[in-house]
């Protein structure tokens, strides 16, 4: 069977499966439900594993989630996802080795770009850069945007114990700001706090908290205000940030050089950030998040292969968003940020 015919068959299959998935989870009837029957969602929190990165993890004795492109596509079809913007699973490519970090970044980005080419409209790319290697990062930013036409970049929340607002990272932030880049962030268990509570994985508490730490770092060092053109996306509905709002506002009042570092205030910066809905799609998280950011800043995210779209679809449908709000979260906000995705 030729590639052209196979793509055609796959397209019909996606439409049929997507129609069933959308109808199953949307609480709205009539013409809106019919209009949404075709897969339309854009998943901004969708992990992949490139062959070179997989080998590097295995060499270090680190196990990782099983992933194949076929499994990604099957999950996307089941959940009504038209396009997934991919990012590497954690911990990313920095192992204290500059040449290795550069090589793994290039291999991972070329692999992701090939996915986009081989499956038109199904995949976008959040490229990897070899933090904290400044020279390597700047070169890979250029390659990812100018040659591969990536949608943006994926950064971990911290590197070597330093969070993203640390002045050591400002030369890279300056280049990302100059490019008006989209930067998606993913948390880690920090060096300080891997197994604080016996009996549960560190990620259960520390991932959400690490997102909050890096947000605080960006705001209170002045990096968010200094580099206003970067469009930040934070995982898991902003982690614990919405629940710590009163503490952030207190820190703002007592911060030295407040006018220089946060000239427009904490609330302004929080409302500018974007937030994905992976694991933050239940009523408690959404209620809190919507107190600090409008619906225009929410993006659909699943955390595949660790979680699936059914969880997110059900959570968003149950919350009671209006039809236009749900459409914005599931697709339109992402298209506004990354216009290339409009054709997906």
Protein backbone atom coordinates (compact mmCIF):
# COMPACT_ATOMS: atom_id res chain seq x y z
CA UNK A 1 0.00 0.00 0.00
CA UNK A 2 1.39 3.41 -0.90
CA UNK A 3 2.03 6.07 1.73
CA UNK A 4 -0.63 8.28 0.14
CA UNK A 5 -3.32 5.61 0.39
CA UNK A 6 -2.31 4.73 3.95
CA UNK A 7 -2.61 8.35 5.05
CA UNK A 8 -6.08 8.49 3.50
CA UNK A 9 -7.22 5.36 5.33
CA UNK A 10 -5.77 6.62 8.59
CA UNK A 11 -7.58 9.91 8.12
CA UNK A 12 -10.96 8.20 7.75
CA UNK A 13 -10.22 6.06 10.80
CA UNK A 14 -9.30 9.13 12.87
CA UNK A 15 -12.55 10.84 11.95
CA UNK A 16 -14.67 7.84 12.94
CA UNK A 17 -12.89 7.23 16.23
CA UNK A 18 -12.69 10.92 17.04
CA UNK A 19 -16.41 11.38 16.46
CA UNK A 20 -17.21 8.69 19.01
CA UNK A 21 -14.72 10.07 21.52
CA UNK A 22 -15.97 13.63 21.26
CA UNK A 23 -19.62 12.61 21.51
CA UNK A 24 -18.88 10.54 24.60
CA UNK A 25 -17.33 13.32 26.64
CA UNK A 26 -18.96 16.57 25.54
CA UNK A 27 -21.93 17.70 27.64
CA UNK A 28 -23.26 19.96 24.89
CA UNK A 29 -25.76 18.78 22.34
CA UNK A 30 -27.03 19.95 18.99
CA UNK A 31 -24.93 21.68 16.37
CA UNK A 32 -21.98 22.32 18.72
CA UNK A 33 -21.55 18.61 19.47
CA UNK A 34 -21.77 17.82 15.76
CA UNK A 35 -19.18 20.48 14.93
CA UNK A 36 -16.79 18.95 17.48
CA UNK A 37 -17.21 15.36 16.22
CA UNK A 38 -13.98 15.45 14.22
CA UNK A 39 -10.77 15.24 16.29
CA UNK A 40 -9.96 18.84 17.18
CA UNK A 41 -8.03 18.92 20.45
CA UNK A 42 -4.40 20.10 20.59
CA UNK A 43 -2.38 18.38 23.31
CA UNK A 44 0.53 20.53 24.52
CA UNK A 45 1.70 18.01 27.16
CA UNK A 46 2.49 14.88 25.16
CA UNK A 47 5.77 13.09 25.74
CA UNK A 48 7.91 11.07 23.35
CA UNK A 49 11.19 9.17 23.63
CA UNK A 50 13.71 9.42 20.80
CA UNK A 51 15.97 6.39 20.18
CA UNK A 52 19.16 8.22 21.14
CA UNK A 53 17.64 9.59 24.32
CA UNK A 54 16.28 6.16 25.25
CA UNK A 55 19.75 4.66 24.83
CA UNK A 56 21.32 7.40 26.96
CA UNK A 57 18.86 6.76 29.79
CA UNK A 58 19.42 3.02 29.65
CA UNK A 59 23.19 3.50 29.76
CA UNK A 60 22.67 5.32 33.05
CA UNK A 61 20.39 2.66 34.46
CA UNK A 62 17.32 4.89 34.22
CA UNK A 63 14.11 3.17 33.23
CA UNK A 64 11.57 5.11 31.23
CA UNK A 65 7.97 4.82 30.09
CA UNK A 66 7.33 2.70 27.03
CA UNK A 67 6.53 4.80 23.99
CA UNK A 68 5.91 4.23 20.28
CA UNK A 69 4.41 6.49 17.66
CA UNK A 70 1.68 3.92 17.05
CA UNK A 71 0.63 4.10 20.69
CA UNK A 72 0.61 7.89 20.59
CA UNK A 73 -1.60 7.95 17.51
CA UNK A 74 -3.98 5.38 18.96
CA UNK A 75 -4.38 7.42 22.15
CA UNK A 76 -4.87 10.62 20.17
CA UNK A 77 -7.56 9.03 18.01
CA UNK A 78 -9.34 7.62 21.06
CA UNK A 79 -9.34 10.98 22.85
CA UNK A 80 -10.28 13.22 19.92
CA UNK A 81 -6.82 14.80 19.70
CA UNK A 82 -5.94 16.11 16.26
CA UNK A 83 -2.41 17.25 17.10
CA UNK A 84 0.10 16.61 19.87
CA UNK A 85 2.97 19.03 20.45
CA UNK A 86 5.67 16.67 21.64
CA UNK A 87 8.35 16.97 24.30
CA UNK A 88 10.89 14.55 25.73
CA UNK A 89 10.10 12.77 28.95
CA UNK A 90 12.04 14.02 31.95
CA UNK A 91 14.85 14.48 33.01
CA UNK A 92 15.90 15.87 29.57
CA UNK A 93 19.38 15.75 28.08
CA UNK A 94 21.71 17.33 30.63
CA UNK A 95 23.98 14.77 32.31
CA UNK A 96 26.90 17.11 33.04
CA UNK A 97 28.48 16.42 29.64
CA UNK A 98 28.42 19.30 27.12
CA UNK A 99 29.10 17.31 23.92
CA UNK A 100 26.57 14.65 24.95
CA UNK A 101 23.91 17.24 25.75
CA UNK A 102 24.33 18.88 22.36
CA UNK A 103 24.28 15.54 20.54
CA UNK A 104 21.18 14.29 22.35
CA UNK A 105 19.35 17.59 21.79
CA UNK A 106 20.01 17.46 18.06
CA UNK A 107 19.02 13.80 17.79
CA UNK A 108 15.81 14.33 19.75
CA UNK A 109 14.85 17.42 17.73
CA UNK A 110 15.54 15.77 14.40
CA UNK A 111 13.46 12.79 15.52
CA UNK A 112 10.54 15.00 16.56
CA UNK A 113 10.72 16.96 13.30
CA UNK A 114 10.60 13.69 11.34
CA UNK A 115 7.44 12.71 13.21
CA UNK A 116 5.84 15.96 12.09
CA UNK A 117 6.90 15.30 8.50
CA UNK A 118 5.87 11.65 8.45
CA UNK A 119 2.45 12.31 10.02
CA UNK A 120 1.31 15.67 8.62
CA UNK A 121 -0.89 17.60 11.00
CA UNK A 122 -0.57 15.09 13.83
CA UNK A 123 2.57 16.31 15.61
CA UNK A 124 4.22 19.60 16.50
CA UNK A 125 7.48 20.02 18.39
CA UNK A 126 8.65 21.55 21.62
CA UNK A 127 12.37 21.26 20.94
CA UNK A 128 14.99 20.27 23.49
CA UNK A 129 17.96 22.52 24.24
CA UNK A 130 21.02 21.46 26.28
CA UNK A 131 20.55 23.53 29.43
CA UNK A 132 22.67 24.82 31.16
CA UNK A 133 25.12 24.95 28.22
CA UNK A 134 24.51 28.53 27.05
CA UNK A 135 26.40 28.33 23.76
CA UNK A 136 24.82 24.99 22.90
CA UNK A 137 21.36 26.32 23.78
CA UNK A 138 21.66 29.38 21.55
CA UNK A 139 22.83 27.27 18.62
CA UNK A 140 20.04 24.74 19.09
CA UNK A 141 17.43 27.49 19.38
CA UNK A 142 18.52 28.77 15.99
CA UNK A 143 18.46 25.30 14.44
CA UNK A 144 15.10 24.34 15.94
CA UNK A 145 13.32 27.51 14.84
CA UNK A 146 14.99 28.33 11.54
CA UNK A 147 15.62 24.84 10.14
CA UNK A 148 13.13 22.53 11.85
CA UNK A 149 10.39 25.17 12.29
CA UNK A 150 9.60 23.94 15.82
CA UNK A 151 6.61 25.37 17.66
CA UNK A 152 8.68 26.18 20.72
CA UNK A 153 10.88 24.65 23.41
CA UNK A 154 10.63 22.39 26.42
CA UNK A 155 12.59 23.21 29.57
CA UNK A 156 12.70 21.39 32.87
CA UNK A 157 11.82 23.49 35.91
CA UNK A 158 15.36 23.29 37.28
CA UNK A 159 18.90 22.37 36.28
CA UNK A 160 21.61 21.57 38.79
CA UNK A 161 19.56 23.02 41.62
CA UNK A 162 18.95 26.32 39.79
CA UNK A 163 15.49 27.43 38.73
CA UNK A 164 14.65 29.09 35.44
CA UNK A 165 14.77 32.65 36.73
CA UNK A 166 18.34 32.28 37.96
CA UNK A 167 20.58 34.98 36.41
CA UNK A 168 22.93 32.23 35.21
CA UNK A 169 20.25 31.36 32.64
CA UNK A 170 19.53 34.90 31.50
CA UNK A 171 21.65 34.75 28.32
CA UNK A 172 19.44 31.91 27.07
CA UNK A 173 16.27 33.69 28.19
CA UNK A 174 17.45 36.76 26.28
CA UNK A 175 17.61 34.76 23.05
CA UNK A 176 14.24 33.12 23.70
CA UNK A 177 12.80 36.57 24.39
CA UNK A 178 14.30 37.99 21.20
CA UNK A 179 12.60 35.17 19.31
CA UNK A 180 9.27 35.62 21.16
CA UNK A 181 9.48 31.90 21.81
CA UNK A 182 6.88 29.60 23.31
CA UNK A 183 8.51 27.79 26.24
CA UNK A 184 6.74 24.83 27.80
CA UNK A 185 8.06 23.71 31.18
CA UNK A 186 7.98 20.33 32.88
CA UNK A 187 8.72 19.67 36.56
CA UNK A 188 11.17 17.35 38.25
CA UNK A 189 11.67 16.07 41.76
CA UNK A 190 14.29 18.54 43.01
CA UNK A 191 17.59 17.47 44.50
CA UNK A 192 16.44 18.49 47.96
CA UNK A 193 13.21 16.56 48.14
CA UNK A 194 13.07 13.26 46.27
CA UNK A 195 11.55 11.00 48.98
CA UNK A 196 10.25 13.27 51.71
CA UNK A 197 7.07 11.29 52.45
CA UNK A 198 7.66 7.53 52.74
CA UNK A 199 5.32 5.32 50.78
CA UNK A 200 4.54 7.63 47.85
CA UNK A 201 6.48 8.67 44.81
CA UNK A 202 8.27 11.99 45.05
CA UNK A 203 6.41 13.16 41.95
CA UNK A 204 3.09 13.02 43.79
CA UNK A 205 3.96 16.19 45.70
CA UNK A 206 7.23 17.52 44.37
CA UNK A 207 6.38 17.85 40.66
CA UNK A 208 3.58 20.33 41.27
CA UNK A 209 5.68 22.13 43.87
CA UNK A 210 8.67 22.37 41.54
CA UNK A 211 6.53 24.10 38.94
CA UNK A 212 5.65 26.65 41.60
CA UNK A 213 9.30 27.11 42.56
CA UNK A 214 10.31 27.94 39.00
CA UNK A 215 7.37 30.31 38.56
CA UNK A 216 8.41 32.10 41.74
CA UNK A 217 11.99 32.20 40.48
CA UNK A 218 10.96 33.83 37.21
CA UNK A 219 8.74 36.39 38.93
CA UNK A 220 10.81 37.37 41.95
CA UNK A 221 14.21 37.55 40.26
CA UNK A 222 12.66 39.91 37.72
CA UNK A 223 13.20 37.53 34.80
CA UNK A 224 9.51 37.38 33.83
CA UNK A 225 9.35 41.18 33.55
CA UNK A 226 12.80 41.48 31.96
CA UNK A 227 11.93 39.00 29.18
CA UNK A 228 8.24 39.70 28.55
CA UNK A 229 8.11 38.23 25.04
CA UNK A 230 8.62 34.64 26.21
CA UNK A 231 5.29 32.85 26.29
CA UNK A 232 5.58 30.48 29.22
CA UNK A 233 3.44 27.34 29.60
CA UNK A 234 3.37 25.70 33.03
CA UNK A 235 2.26 22.11 33.58
CA UNK A 236 -0.51 20.75 35.79
CA UNK A 237 -2.56 23.96 36.05
CA UNK A 238 0.36 25.83 37.60
CA UNK A 239 1.12 23.27 40.28
CA UNK A 240 0.52 24.67 43.75
CA UNK A 241 0.81 28.32 42.69
CA UNK A 242 -2.91 29.18 42.83
CA UNK A 243 -3.09 27.92 46.41
CA UNK A 244 -0.08 29.97 47.48
CA UNK A 245 -1.32 33.23 46.01
CA UNK A 246 -1.58 35.07 49.32
CA UNK A 247 2.04 34.18 50.11
CA UNK A 248 3.17 35.41 46.70
CA UNK A 249 1.35 38.69 47.25
CA UNK A 250 2.95 39.08 50.68
CA UNK A 251 6.39 38.48 49.15
CA UNK A 252 5.61 41.14 46.58
CA UNK A 253 4.91 43.70 49.30
CA UNK A 254 8.17 43.00 51.11
CA UNK A 255 10.46 42.46 48.11
CA UNK A 256 13.47 44.73 47.80
CA UNK A 257 13.66 46.47 44.40
CA UNK A 258 10.04 45.52 43.81
CA UNK A 259 9.54 48.23 41.18
CA UNK A 260 12.54 47.01 39.21
CA UNK A 261 11.76 43.30 39.44
CA UNK A 262 7.96 43.23 39.29
CA UNK A 263 6.95 46.63 37.93
CA UNK A 264 3.47 45.45 36.93
CA UNK A 265 2.92 43.18 39.92
CA UNK A 266 2.61 39.48 40.61
CA UNK A 267 -0.97 39.22 39.36
CA UNK A 268 0.00 40.69 36.00
CA UNK A 269 2.70 38.06 35.49
CA UNK A 270 0.49 35.17 36.62
CA UNK A 271 -2.28 36.27 34.27
CA UNK A 272 0.18 36.37 31.34
CA UNK A 273 1.44 32.83 31.85
CA UNK A 274 -0.22 29.84 30.18
CA UNK A 275 -1.25 26.66 32.01
CA UNK A 276 -1.93 23.15 30.76
CA UNK A 277 -4.70 20.98 32.18
CA UNK A 278 -2.81 17.71 32.72
CA UNK A 279 -3.72 16.42 36.19
CA UNK A 280 -5.16 19.84 36.96
CA UNK A 281 -8.55 19.36 35.32
CA UNK A 282 -10.70 18.72 38.41
CA UNK A 283 -12.92 21.36 39.97
CA UNK A 284 -10.62 22.27 42.86
CA UNK A 285 -7.65 22.97 40.61
CA UNK A 286 -9.68 24.80 37.96
CA UNK A 287 -11.52 26.94 40.51
CA UNK A 288 -8.20 28.09 41.97
CA UNK A 289 -6.46 28.55 38.62
CA UNK A 290 -9.25 30.70 37.22
CA UNK A 291 -8.75 33.14 40.09
CA UNK A 292 -5.27 33.99 38.76
CA UNK A 293 -5.63 33.52 34.99
CA UNK A 294 -8.42 33.85 32.43
CA UNK A 295 -9.71 31.03 30.23
CA UNK A 296 -7.63 32.48 27.37
CA UNK A 297 -4.49 31.20 29.16
CA UNK A 298 -5.58 27.58 29.61
CA UNK A 299 -4.32 24.88 27.25
CA UNK A 300 -5.34 21.25 26.82
CA UNK A 301 -2.68 18.81 28.05
CA UNK A 302 -2.76 15.10 28.89
CA UNK A 303 0.72 14.06 30.16
CA UNK A 304 0.73 11.07 27.81
CA UNK A 305 2.02 8.32 28.23
CA UNK A 306 1.71 8.75 31.99
CA UNK A 307 -1.96 9.76 31.76
CA UNK A 308 -4.51 9.78 28.94
CA UNK A 309 -6.97 12.12 27.31
CA UNK A 310 -10.08 10.46 28.75
CA UNK A 311 -9.25 11.85 32.20
CA UNK A 312 -8.82 15.38 30.86
CA UNK A 313 -11.87 15.25 28.60
CA UNK A 314 -14.08 14.11 31.46
CA UNK A 315 -12.72 16.71 33.87
CA UNK A 316 -13.15 19.63 31.50
CA UNK A 317 -16.63 18.47 30.43
CA UNK A 318 -17.78 18.11 34.04
CA UNK A 319 -16.57 21.55 35.07
CA UNK A 320 -19.29 23.39 33.21
CA UNK A 321 -17.35 25.55 30.78
CA UNK A 322 -19.44 27.14 28.05
CA UNK A 323 -19.07 25.72 24.55
CA UNK A 324 -16.82 28.60 23.38
CA UNK A 325 -14.69 28.33 26.53
CA UNK A 326 -14.22 24.60 26.07
CA UNK A 327 -13.30 25.08 22.42
CA UNK A 328 -10.76 27.74 23.43
CA UNK A 329 -9.09 25.48 26.00
CA UNK A 330 -9.07 22.41 23.80
CA UNK A 331 -7.85 24.11 20.63
CA UNK A 332 -8.21 27.82 19.93
CA UNK A 333 -5.82 29.13 22.61
CA UNK A 334 -3.05 26.86 21.31
CA UNK A 335 -3.67 27.96 17.72
CA UNK A 336 -3.44 31.60 18.79
CA UNK A 337 -0.01 30.92 20.32
CA UNK A 338 1.24 28.63 17.56
CA UNK A 339 -0.55 29.57 14.31
CA UNK A 340 1.02 26.72 12.31
CA UNK A 341 -1.25 24.36 14.23
CA UNK A 342 -4.29 25.95 12.58
CA UNK A 343 -3.92 23.62 9.60
CA UNK A 344 -3.97 20.49 11.78
